[in-house]
Amino acid sequence: MKKQASKLQSEALKLDPKDRARLAETLLQSLEDLSDEENEAIWLEEAERRDTELDANPSLARSSDEVFRHARAKRH
C-alpha cells in the first residue's frame, strides 16, 4: 500500500464505527462507477500482489478445504 493510502487507512481506523461504516459505504459506492476495464485492471493488480506475497512467504497459503471450512464456520 502506498504511503498516502496507508496514512489515510490509519486515520480512518481511528473513526468511530458509524463514521467508518459511512466512509466504507462511500468508498465502495465509488467503485461501482468504474468501467469494466478499470475493474479488471484493479483485480489483476491485486492478484499479482497476492501471488508475489505468496511467493515471498509460502506459509501464508491455505488449502481450499481450510478456506471453505472457515467460511462455513462464519455462517453459523
PDB file of N, CA and C in Angstrom:
ATOM      1  N   MET A   1       0.860  -1.172   0.000  1.00  0.00           N
ATOM      2  CA  MET A   1       0.000   0.000   0.000  1.00  0.00           C
ATOM      3  C   MET A   1       0.903   1.231   0.000  1.00  0.00           C
ATOM      4  N   LYS A   2       0.546   2.203  -0.782  1.00  0.00           N
ATOM      5  CA  LYS A   2       1.351   3.418  -0.859  1.00  0.00           C
ATOM      6  C   LYS A   2       1.256   4.195   0.442  1.00  0.00           C
ATOM      7  N   LYS A   3       2.260   5.044   0.681  1.00  0.00           N
ATOM      8  CA  LYS A   3       2.327   5.792   1.941  1.00  0.00           C
ATOM      9  C   LYS A   3       1.067   6.594   2.219  1.00  0.00           C
ATOM     10  N   GLN A   4       0.595   7.325   1.225  1.00  0.00           N
ATOM     11  CA  GLN A   4      -0.578   8.168   1.429  1.00  0.00           C
ATOM     12  C   GLN A   4      -1.804   7.328   1.786  1.00  0.00           C
ATOM     13  N   ALA A   5      -1.996   6.213   1.068  1.00  0.00           N
ATOM     14  CA  ALA A   5      -3.136   5.344   1.359  1.00  0.00           C
ATOM     15  C   ALA A   5      -2.997   4.719   2.742  1.00  0.00           C
ATOM     16  N   SER A   6      -1.783   4.351   3.100  1.00  0.00           N
ATOM     17  CA  SER A   6      -1.549   3.766   4.419  1.00  0.00           C
ATOM     18  C   SER A   6      -1.867   4.772   5.523  1.00  0.00           C
ATOM     19  N   LYS A   7      -1.479   6.020   5.297  1.00  0.00           N
ATOM     20  CA  LYS A   7      -1.762   7.072   6.276  1.00  0.00           C
ATOM     21  C   LYS A   7      -3.276   7.304   6.384  1.00  0.00           C
ATOM     22  N   LEU A   8      -3.947   7.347   5.244  1.00  0.00           N
ATOM     23  CA  LEU A   8      -5.405   7.516   5.249  1.00  0.00           C
ATOM     24  C   LEU A   8      -6.089   6.362   5.966  1.00  0.00           C
ATOM     25  N   GLN A   9      -5.597   5.140   5.724  1.00  0.00           N
ATOM     26  CA  GLN A   9      -6.184   3.984   6.385  1.00  0.00           C
ATOM     27  C   GLN A   9      -6.022   4.094   7.895  1.00  0.00           C
ATOM     28  N   SER A  10      -4.845   4.486   8.341  1.00  0.00           N
ATOM     29  CA  SER A  10      -4.613   4.642   9.782  1.00  0.00           C
ATOM     30  C   SER A  10      -5.565   5.666  10.384  1.00  0.00           C
ATOM     31  N   GLU A  11      -5.757   6.770   9.693  1.00  0.00           N
ATOM     32  CA  GLU A  11      -6.662   7.815  10.186  1.00  0.00           C
ATOM     33  C   GLU A  11      -8.113   7.323  10.177  1.00  0.00           C
ATOM     34  N   ALA A  12      -8.497   6.608   9.120  1.00  0.00           N
ATOM     35  CA  ALA A  12      -9.871   6.111   9.022  1.00  0.00           C
ATOM     36  C   ALA A  12     -10.183   5.124  10.145  1.00  0.00           C
ATOM     37  N   LEU A  13      -9.206   4.316  10.505  1.00  0.00           N
ATOM     38  CA  LEU A  13      -9.429   3.336  11.570  1.00  0.00           C
ATOM     39  C   LEU A  13      -9.594   3.979  12.939  1.00  0.00           C
ATOM     40  N   LYS A  14      -9.256   5.248  13.058  1.00  0.00           N
ATOM     41  CA  LYS A  14      -9.446   5.977  14.309  1.00  0.00           C
ATOM     42  C   LYS A  14     -10.873   6.500  14.456  1.00  0.00           C
ATOM     43  N   LEU A  15     -11.636   6.483  13.359  1.00  0.00           N
ATOM     44  CA  LEU A  15     -13.013   6.968  13.386  1.00  0.00           C
ATOM     45  C   LEU A  15     -13.886   6.024  14.197  1.00  0.00           C
ATOM     46  N   ASP A  16     -14.997   6.565  14.707  1.00  0.00           N
ATOM     47  CA  ASP A  16     -15.923   5.689  15.417  1.00  0.00           C
ATOM     48  C   ASP A  16     -16.598   4.770  14.391  1.00  0.00           C
ATOM     49  N   PRO A  17     -17.145   3.641  14.836  1.00  0.00           N
ATOM     50  CA  PRO A  17     -17.701   2.647  13.909  1.00  0.00           C
ATOM     51  C   PRO A  17     -18.729   3.188  12.919  1.00  0.00           C
ATOM     52  N   LYS A  18     -19.606   4.075  13.347  1.00  0.00           N
ATOM     53  CA  LYS A  18     -20.623   4.612  12.430  1.00  0.00           C
ATOM     54  C   LYS A  18     -19.972   5.417  11.311  1.00  0.00           C
ATOM     55  N   ASP A  19     -18.988   6.247  11.658  1.00  0.00           N
ATOM     56  CA  ASP A  19     -18.300   7.033  10.632  1.00  0.00           C
ATOM     57  C   ASP A  19     -17.484   6.135   9.706  1.00  0.00           C
ATOM     58  N   ARG A  20     -16.864   5.091  10.253  1.00  0.00           N
ATOM     59  CA  ARG A  20     -16.125   4.148   9.406  1.00  0.00           C
ATOM     60  C   ARG A  20     -17.069   3.454   8.435  1.00  0.00           C
ATOM     61  N   ALA A  21     -18.255   3.084   8.916  1.00  0.00           N
ATOM     62  CA  ALA A  21     -19.231   2.421   8.053  1.00  0.00           C
ATOM     63  C   ALA A  21     -19.677   3.346   6.923  1.00  0.00           C
ATOM     64  N   ARG A  22     -19.924   4.618   7.259  1.00  0.00           N
ATOM     65  CA  ARG A  22     -20.322   5.580   6.223  1.00  0.00           C
ATOM     66  C   ARG A  22     -19.208   5.761   5.199  1.00  0.00           C
ATOM     67  N   LEU A  23     -17.977   5.861   5.685  1.00  0.00           N
ATOM     68  CA  LEU A  23     -16.827   6.010   4.785  1.00  0.00           C
ATOM     69  C   LEU A  23     -16.687   4.777   3.892  1.00  0.00           C
ATOM     70  N   ALA A  24     -16.814   3.597   4.480  1.00  0.00           N
ATOM     71  CA  ALA A  24     -16.710   2.360   3.702  1.00  0.00           C
ATOM     72  C   ALA A  24     -17.790   2.311   2.620  1.00  0.00           C
ATOM     73  N   GLU A  25     -18.997   2.704   2.981  1.00  0.00           N
ATOM     74  CA  GLU A  25     -20.096   2.708   2.006  1.00  0.00           C
ATOM     75  C   GLU A  25     -19.791   3.664   0.854  1.00  0.00           C
ATOM     76  N   THR A  26     -19.295   4.839   1.184  1.00  0.00           N
ATOM     77  CA  THR A  26     -18.959   5.823   0.158  1.00  0.00           C
ATOM     78  C   THR A  26     -17.856   5.299  -0.758  1.00  0.00           C
ATOM     79  N   LEU A  27     -16.828   4.707  -0.159  1.00  0.00           N
ATOM     80  CA  LEU A  27     -15.723   4.178  -0.960  1.00  0.00           C
ATOM     81  C   LEU A  27     -16.181   3.029  -1.852  1.00  0.00           C
ATOM     82  N   LEU A  28     -16.984   2.122  -1.294  1.00  0.00           N
ATOM     83  CA  LEU A  28     -17.481   1.012  -2.105  1.00  0.00           C
ATOM     84  C   LEU A  28     -18.373   1.512  -3.239  1.00  0.00           C
ATOM     85  N   GLN A  29     -19.208   2.488  -2.946  1.00  0.00           N
ATOM     86  CA  GLN A  29     -20.081   3.049  -3.981  1.00  0.00           C
ATOM     87  C   GLN A  29     -19.252   3.668  -5.103  1.00  0.00           C
ATOM     88  N   SER A  30     -18.136   4.300  -4.748  1.00  0.00           N
ATOM     89  CA  SER A  30     -17.299   4.931  -5.773  1.00  0.00           C
ATOM     90  C   SER A  30     -16.715   3.895  -6.726  1.00  0.00           C
ATOM     91  N   LEU A  31     -16.567   2.662  -6.277  1.00  0.00           N
ATOM     92  CA  LEU A  31     -16.045   1.610  -7.140  1.00  0.00           C
ATOM     93  C   LEU A  31     -17.090   1.112  -8.126  1.00  0.00           C
ATOM     94  N   GLU A  32     -18.354   1.333  -7.826  1.00  0.00           N
ATOM     95  CA  GLU A  32     -19.427   0.921  -8.725  1.00  0.00           C
ATOM     96  C   GLU A  32     -19.374   1.679 -10.049  1.00  0.00           C
ATOM     97  N   ASP A  33     -18.765   2.848 -10.031  1.00  0.00           N
ATOM     98  CA  ASP A  33     -18.723   3.698 -11.216  1.00  0.00           C
ATOM     99  C   ASP A  33     -17.550   3.384 -12.144  1.00  0.00           C
ATOM    100  N   LEU A  34     -16.719   2.400 -11.792  1.00  0.00           N
ATOM    101  CA  LEU A  34     -15.569   2.059 -12.614  1.00  0.00           C
ATOM    102  C   LEU A  34     -16.012   1.337 -13.883  1.00  0.00           C
ATOM    103  N   SER A  35     -15.258   1.530 -14.942  1.00  0.00           N
ATOM    104  CA  SER A  35     -15.539   0.793 -16.172  1.00  0.00           C
ATOM    105  C   SER A  35     -15.088  -0.651 -15.989  1.00  0.00           C
ATOM    106  N   ASP A  36     -15.538  -1.517 -16.874  1.00  0.00           N
ATOM    107  CA  ASP A  36     -15.117  -2.916 -16.810  1.00  0.00           C
ATOM    108  C   ASP A  36     -13.597  -3.028 -16.922  1.00  0.00           C
ATOM    109  N   GLU A  37     -13.004  -2.208 -17.764  1.00  0.00           N
ATOM    110  CA  GLU A  37     -11.555  -2.239 -17.954  1.00  0.00           C
ATOM    111  C   GLU A  37     -10.824  -1.803 -16.682  1.00  0.00           C
ATOM    112  N   GLU A  38     -11.320  -0.752 -16.029  1.00  0.00           N
ATOM    113  CA  GLU A  38     -10.704  -0.296 -14.776  1.00  0.00           C
ATOM    114  C   GLU A  38     -10.832  -1.366 -13.692  1.00  0.00           C
ATOM    115  N   ASN A  39     -12.003  -1.969 -13.607  1.00  0.00           N
ATOM    116  CA  ASN A  39     -12.254  -3.011 -12.622  1.00  0.00           C
ATOM    117  C   ASN A  39     -11.332  -4.208 -12.856  1.00  0.00           C
ATOM    118  N   GLU A  40     -11.201  -4.604 -14.110  1.00  0.00           N
ATOM    119  CA  GLU A  40     -10.325  -5.725 -14.452  1.00  0.00           C
ATOM    120  C   GLU A  40      -8.872  -5.416 -14.097  1.00  0.00           C
ATOM    121  N   ALA A  41      -8.425  -4.200 -14.370  1.00  0.00           N
ATOM    122  CA  ALA A  41      -7.047  -3.809 -14.064  1.00  0.00           C
ATOM    123  C   ALA A  41      -6.780  -3.841 -12.560  1.00  0.00           C
ATOM    124  N   ILE A  42      -7.754  -3.401 -11.773  1.00  0.00           N
ATOM    125  CA  ILE A  42      -7.601  -3.403 -10.311  1.00  0.00           C
ATOM    126  C   ILE A  42      -7.490  -4.835  -9.798  1.00  0.00           C
ATOM    127  N   TRP A  43      -8.361  -5.734 -10.294  1.00  0.00           N
ATOM    128  CA  TRP A  43      -8.319  -7.120  -9.833  1.00  0.00           C
ATOM    129  C   TRP A  43      -7.053  -7.828 -10.291  1.00  0.00           C
ATOM    130  N   LEU A  44      -6.566  -7.514 -11.490  1.00  0.00           N
ATOM    131  CA  LEU A  44      -5.321  -8.098 -11.968  1.00  0.00           C
ATOM    132  C   LEU A  44      -4.155  -7.666 -11.079  1.00  0.00           C
ATOM    133  N   GLU A  45      -4.117  -6.380 -10.739  1.00  0.00           N
ATOM    134  CA  GLU A  45      -3.071  -5.869  -9.857  1.00  0.00           C
ATOM    135  C   GLU A  45      -3.133  -6.559  -8.489  1.00  0.00           C
ATOM    136  N   GLU A  46      -4.334  -6.752  -7.963  1.00  0.00           N
ATOM    137  CA  GLU A  46      -4.496  -7.417  -6.671  1.00  0.00           C
ATOM    138  C   GLU A  46      -4.051  -8.873  -6.748  1.00  0.00           C
ATOM    139  N   ALA A  47      -4.400  -9.565  -7.819  1.00  0.00           N
ATOM    140  CA  ALA A  47      -3.994 -10.963  -7.982  1.00  0.00           C
ATOM    141  C   ALA A  47      -2.471 -11.070  -8.053  1.00  0.00           C
ATOM    142  N   GLU A  48      -1.848 -10.153  -8.775  1.00  0.00           N
ATOM    143  CA  GLU A  48      -0.389 -10.157  -8.872  1.00  0.00           C
ATOM    144  C   GLU A  48       0.252  -9.852  -7.525  1.00  0.00           C
ATOM    145  N   ARG A  49      -0.334  -8.943  -6.760  1.00  0.00           N
ATOM    146  CA  ARG A  49       0.192  -8.614  -5.429  1.00  0.00           C
ATOM    147  C   ARG A  49       0.123  -9.840  -4.525  1.00  0.00           C
ATOM    148  N   ARG A  50      -1.015 -10.531  -4.555  1.00  0.00           N
ATOM    149  CA  ARG A  50      -1.180 -11.713  -3.719  1.00  0.00           C
ATOM    150  C   ARG A  50      -0.228 -12.825  -4.137  1.00  0.00           C
ATOM    151  N   ASP A  51      -0.032 -13.000  -5.446  1.00  0.00           N
ATOM    152  CA  ASP A  51       0.887 -14.022  -5.948  1.00  0.00           C
ATOM    153  C   ASP A  51       2.313 -13.733  -5.484  1.00  0.00           C
ATOM    154  N   THR A  52       2.714 -12.485  -5.573  1.00  0.00           N
ATOM    155  CA  THR A  52       4.044 -12.082  -5.119  1.00  0.00           C
ATOM    156  C   THR A  52       4.195 -12.322  -3.627  1.00  0.00           C
ATOM    157  N   GLU A  53       3.143 -11.999  -2.862  1.00  0.00           N
ATOM    158  CA  GLU A  53       3.157 -12.205  -1.411  1.00  0.00           C
ATOM    159  C   GLU A  53       3.309 -13.686  -1.072  1.00  0.00           C
ATOM    160  N   LEU A  54       2.583 -14.540  -1.794  1.00  0.00           N
ATOM    161  CA  LEU A  54       2.681 -15.983  -1.548  1.00  0.00           C
ATOM    162  C   LEU A  54       4.042 -16.537  -1.972  1.00  0.00           C
ATOM    163  N   ASP A  55       4.587 -16.023  -3.069  1.00  0.00           N
ATOM    164  CA  ASP A  55       5.924 -16.453  -3.489  1.00  0.00           C
ATOM    165  C   ASP A  55       6.961 -16.104  -2.431  1.00  0.00           C
ATOM    166  N   ALA A  56       6.797 -14.950  -1.803  1.00  0.00           N
ATOM    167  CA  ALA A  56       7.745 -14.500  -0.790  1.00  0.00           C
ATOM    168  C   ALA A  56       7.570 -15.249   0.524  1.00  0.00           C
ATOM    169  N   ASN A  57       6.345 -15.704   0.802  1.00  0.00           N
ATOM    170  CA  ASN A  57       6.079 -16.378   2.072  1.00  0.00           C
ATOM    171  C   ASN A  57       5.028 -17.474   1.866  1.00  0.00           C
ATOM    172  N   PRO A  58       5.454 -18.645   1.372  1.00  0.00           N
ATOM    173  CA  PRO A  58       4.518 -19.730   1.083  1.00  0.00           C
ATOM    174  C   PRO A  58       3.718 -20.198   2.303  1.00  0.00           C
ATOM    175  N   SER A  59       4.194 -19.911   3.502  1.00  0.00           N
ATOM    176  CA  SER A  59       3.455 -20.343   4.698  1.00  0.00           C
ATOM    177  C   SER A  59       2.118 -19.630   4.838  1.00  0.00           C
ATOM    178  N   LEU A  60       1.888 -18.567   4.059  1.00  0.00           N
ATOM    179  CA  LEU A  60       0.609 -17.861   4.094  1.00  0.00           C
ATOM    180  C   LEU A  60      -0.494 -18.629   3.358  1.00  0.00           C
ATOM    181  N   ALA A  61      -0.097 -19.587   2.526  1.00  0.00           N
ATOM    182  CA  ALA A  61      -1.069 -20.333   1.723  1.00  0.00           C
ATOM    183  C   ALA A  61      -1.945 -21.210   2.617  1.00  0.00           C
ATOM    184  N   ARG A  62      -3.221 -21.347   2.204  1.00  0.00           N
ATOM    185  CA  ARG A  62      -4.156 -22.228   2.906  1.00  0.00           C
ATOM    186  C   ARG A  62      -4.811 -23.129   1.871  1.00  0.00           C
ATOM    187  N   SER A  63      -5.124 -24.329   2.274  1.00  0.00           N
ATOM    188  CA  SER A  63      -5.795 -25.256   1.358  1.00  0.00           C
ATOM    189  C   SER A  63      -7.233 -24.792   1.140  1.00  0.00           C
ATOM    190  N   SER A  64      -7.806 -25.241   0.030  1.00  0.00           N
ATOM    191  CA  SER A  64      -9.203 -24.881  -0.236  1.00  0.00           C
ATOM    192  C   SER A  64     -10.110 -25.452   0.848  1.00  0.00           C
ATOM    193  N   ASP A  65      -9.796 -26.658   1.345  1.00  0.00           N
ATOM    194  CA  ASP A  65     -10.603 -27.232   2.431  1.00  0.00           C
ATOM    195  C   ASP A  65     -10.612 -26.315   3.649  1.00  0.00           C
ATOM    196  N   GLU A  66      -9.459 -25.775   3.986  1.00  0.00           N
ATOM    197  CA  GLU A  66      -9.367 -24.877   5.135  1.00  0.00           C
ATOM    198  C   GLU A  66     -10.169 -23.598   4.899  1.00  0.00           C
ATOM    199  N   VAL A  67     -10.066 -23.056   3.706  1.00  0.00           N
ATOM    200  CA  VAL A  67     -10.791 -21.828   3.367  1.00  0.00           C
ATOM    201  C   VAL A  67     -12.294 -22.053   3.471  1.00  0.00           C
ATOM    202  N   PHE A  68     -12.784 -23.155   2.888  1.00  0.00           N
ATOM    203  CA  PHE A  68     -14.219 -23.435   2.918  1.00  0.00           C
ATOM    204  C   PHE A  68     -14.702 -23.753   4.329  1.00  0.00           C
ATOM    205  N   ARG A  69     -13.905 -24.474   5.101  1.00  0.00           N
ATOM    206  CA  ARG A  69     -14.255 -24.775   6.495  1.00  0.00           C
ATOM    207  C   ARG A  69     -14.418 -23.470   7.287  1.00  0.00           C
ATOM    208  N   HIS A  70     -13.483 -22.553   7.087  1.00  0.00           N
ATOM    209  CA  HIS A  70     -13.532 -21.255   7.761  1.00  0.00           C
ATOM    210  C   HIS A  70     -14.783 -20.473   7.324  1.00  0.00           C
ATOM    211  N   ALA A  71     -15.076 -20.489   6.031  1.00  0.00           N
ATOM    212  CA  ALA A  71     -16.245 -19.759   5.516  1.00  0.00           C
ATOM    213  C   ALA A  71     -17.542 -20.341   6.085  1.00  0.00           C
ATOM    214  N   ARG A  72     -17.622 -21.660   6.123  1.00  0.00           N
ATOM    215  CA  ARG A  72     -18.835 -22.289   6.665  1.00  0.00           C
ATOM    216  C   ARG A  72     -19.001 -21.971   8.147  1.00  0.00           C
ATOM    217  N   ALA A  73     -17.909 -21.960   8.882  1.00  0.00           N
ATOM    218  CA  ALA A  73     -17.973 -21.658  10.326  1.00  0.00           C
ATOM    219  C   ALA A  73     -18.458 -20.246  10.561  1.00  0.00           C
ATOM    220  N   LYS A  74     -18.123 -19.321   9.687  1.00  0.00           N
ATOM    221  CA  LYS A  74     -18.551 -17.932   9.842  1.00  0.00           C
ATOM    222  C   LYS A  74     -20.057 -17.762   9.594  1.00  0.00           C
ATOM    223  N   ARG A  75     -20.639 -18.666   8.812  1.00  0.00           N
ATOM    224  CA  ARG A  75     -22.080 -18.560   8.513  1.00  0.00           C
ATOM    225  C   ARG A  75     -22.926 -18.934   9.708  1.00  0.00           C
ATOM    226  N   HIS A  76     -22.399 -19.665  10.629  1.00  0.00           N
ATOM    227  CA  HIS A  76     -23.206 -20.153  11.760  1.00  0.00           C
ATOM    228  C   HIS A  76     -22.977 -19.385  13.015  1.00  0.00           C
TER     229      HIS A  76
END
